[in-house]
Structures are given as structure tokens and as C-alpha cells.
Amino acid sequence: MRREGYELTVGQPQVIVKMIDGKRSEPYENLVVDVPQEFASKVIDLVTRRKGEMHIMETKGDMQHRSSKFLPVV
């Protein structure tokens, strides 16, 4: 890209925080995961490490769990 006259710098990711109606607001993503029952605890653990909040967890048949979580975008 340098030959074409472009340069690019990459830095550490930062959260974009906006003030909406005087309140601090940060972006969130909604994560929906369908996993077999034996892997559900591992998925919950990984999402919890990223400060995710579980809102819904329901069983779909004998082998699957569906969980819905909100994650802060980083």
C-alpha cells in the first residue's frame, strides 16, 4: 500500500462512548448461542469473562440450550 501512497496505523481498540440525554451510553451486542448441553457451561464461562449478562436460557429439545446474552463491544 505504501507504493500507492497510502499509510495505515493500527492501534489498540477503544470503546466509543456517547452521551445520550445526559447519560453515558456504550454499545452492546446481542449474542444468541445454540449449543449441545455438555458445552453450555463452557460457553457461559467464556461470555462471563467478557462481562456479558445472560438474559434468557431455555432448552430446545434434549440436546440443545439456547441462551441470549448482552456483551459490551470492545
C-alpha atoms as a PDB file:
ATOM      1  CA  MET A   1       0.000   0.000   0.000  1.00  0.00           C
ATOM      2  CA  ARG A   2       2.938   2.292   0.520  1.00  0.00           C
ATOM      3  CA  ARG A   3       3.693   2.250  -3.194  1.00  0.00           C
ATOM      4  CA  GLU A   4       0.184   3.530  -3.831  1.00  0.00           C
ATOM      5  CA  GLY A   5       0.680   6.454  -1.445  1.00  0.00           C
ATOM      6  CA  TYR A   6      -1.385   5.106   1.468  1.00  0.00           C
ATOM      7  CA  GLU A   7      -0.216   4.517   5.013  1.00  0.00           C
ATOM      8  CA  LEU A   8      -2.138   2.757   7.737  1.00  0.00           C
ATOM      9  CA  THR A   9      -1.633   2.749  11.500  1.00  0.00           C
ATOM     10  CA  VAL A  10      -3.401   0.326  13.778  1.00  0.00           C
ATOM     11  CA  GLY A  11      -3.869   0.979  17.480  1.00  0.00           C
ATOM     12  CA  GLN A  12      -5.466  -0.768  20.396  1.00  0.00           C
ATOM     13  CA  PRO A  13      -9.284  -0.946  20.138  1.00  0.00           C
ATOM     14  CA  GLN A  14     -11.238   1.545  22.238  1.00  0.00           C
ATOM     15  CA  VAL A  15     -14.896   1.630  23.215  1.00  0.00           C
ATOM     16  CA  ILE A  16     -16.848   4.507  21.693  1.00  0.00           C
ATOM     17  CA  VAL A  17     -18.880   6.106  24.476  1.00  0.00           C
ATOM     18  CA  LYS A  18     -21.626   8.618  23.665  1.00  0.00           C
ATOM     19  CA  MET A  19     -23.607  10.915  25.913  1.00  0.00           C
ATOM     20  CA  ILE A  20     -27.353  10.470  25.217  1.00  0.00           C
ATOM     21  CA  ASP A  21     -29.738  12.647  27.249  1.00  0.00           C
ATOM     22  CA  GLY A  22     -27.003  13.285  29.797  1.00  0.00           C
ATOM     23  CA  LYS A  23     -26.359   9.566  30.362  1.00  0.00           C
ATOM     24  CA  ARG A  24     -23.209   7.697  29.406  1.00  0.00           C
ATOM     25  CA  SER A  25     -24.064   5.105  26.757  1.00  0.00           C
ATOM     26  CA  GLU A  26     -21.808   2.370  25.394  1.00  0.00           C
ATOM     27  CA  PRO A  27     -22.551  -0.058  22.530  1.00  0.00           C
ATOM     28  CA  TYR A  28     -23.713  -3.605  23.243  1.00  0.00           C
ATOM     29  CA  GLU A  29     -24.213  -6.674  21.073  1.00  0.00           C
ATOM     30  CA  ASN A  30     -26.888  -9.324  21.484  1.00  0.00           C
ATOM     31  CA  LEU A  31     -25.404 -12.839  21.328  1.00  0.00           C
ATOM     32  CA  VAL A  32     -27.634 -15.883  20.761  1.00  0.00           C
ATOM     33  CA  VAL A  33     -25.941 -19.282  21.046  1.00  0.00           C
ATOM     34  CA  ASP A  34     -27.351 -22.759  20.339  1.00  0.00           C
ATOM     35  CA  VAL A  35     -25.057 -25.431  21.801  1.00  0.00           C
ATOM     36  CA  PRO A  36     -25.328 -29.046  22.980  1.00  0.00           C
ATOM     37  CA  GLN A  37     -25.941 -29.410  26.708  1.00  0.00           C
ATOM     38  CA  GLU A  38     -22.410 -30.599  27.552  1.00  0.00           C
ATOM     39  CA  PHE A  39     -20.858 -27.386  26.144  1.00  0.00           C
ATOM     40  CA  ALA A  40     -23.330 -24.884  27.632  1.00  0.00           C
ATOM     41  CA  SER A  41     -21.294 -24.288  30.811  1.00  0.00           C
ATOM     42  CA  LYS A  42     -18.123 -23.574  28.816  1.00  0.00           C
ATOM     43  CA  VAL A  43     -19.940 -21.038  26.621  1.00  0.00           C
ATOM     44  CA  ILE A  44     -21.419 -19.339  29.689  1.00  0.00           C
ATOM     45  CA  ASP A  45     -17.943 -19.151  31.248  1.00  0.00           C
ATOM     46  CA  LEU A  46     -16.372 -17.609  28.128  1.00  0.00           C
ATOM     47  CA  VAL A  47     -19.112 -14.989  27.816  1.00  0.00           C
ATOM     48  CA  THR A  48     -18.963 -14.125  31.527  1.00  0.00           C
ATOM     49  CA  ARG A  49     -15.246 -13.396  31.196  1.00  0.00           C
ATOM     50  CA  ARG A  50     -16.136 -10.709  28.634  1.00  0.00           C
ATOM     51  CA  LYS A  51     -18.594  -9.159  31.131  1.00  0.00           C
ATOM     52  CA  GLY A  52     -21.647 -10.495  29.320  1.00  0.00           C
ATOM     53  CA  GLU A  53     -25.046 -10.593  31.016  1.00  0.00           C
ATOM     54  CA  MET A  54     -27.307 -13.602  30.445  1.00  0.00           C
ATOM     55  CA  HIS A  55     -30.934 -12.681  29.889  1.00  0.00           C
ATOM     56  CA  ILE A  56     -32.567 -15.863  28.595  1.00  0.00           C
ATOM     57  CA  MET A  57     -31.610 -19.531  28.812  1.00  0.00           C
ATOM     58  CA  GLU A  58     -34.015 -22.130  27.507  1.00  0.00           C
ATOM     59  CA  THR A  59     -33.835 -25.774  26.446  1.00  0.00           C
ATOM     60  CA  LYS A  60     -34.655 -26.672  22.847  1.00  0.00           C
ATOM     61  CA  GLY A  61     -35.068 -30.447  22.807  1.00  0.00           C
ATOM     62  CA  ASP A  62     -32.822 -32.903  24.610  1.00  0.00           C
ATOM     63  CA  MET A  63     -29.510 -31.784  23.165  1.00  0.00           C
ATOM     64  CA  GLN A  64     -29.601 -28.010  22.794  1.00  0.00           C
ATOM     65  CA  HIS A  65     -29.604 -24.956  25.017  1.00  0.00           C
ATOM     66  CA  ARG A  66     -30.333 -21.510  23.653  1.00  0.00           C
ATOM     67  CA  SER A  67     -29.027 -18.584  25.617  1.00  0.00           C
ATOM     68  CA  SER A  68     -29.264 -14.895  24.874  1.00  0.00           C
ATOM     69  CA  LYS A  69     -26.664 -12.522  26.275  1.00  0.00           C
ATOM     70  CA  PHE A  70     -25.684  -8.861  26.026  1.00  0.00           C
ATOM     71  CA  LEU A  71     -21.978  -8.160  25.559  1.00  0.00           C
ATOM     72  CA  PRO A  72     -20.149  -4.843  25.669  1.00  0.00           C
ATOM     73  CA  VAL A  73     -18.472  -4.148  22.338  1.00  0.00           C
ATOM     74  CA  VAL A  74     -14.694  -3.937  22.614  1.00  0.00           C
END
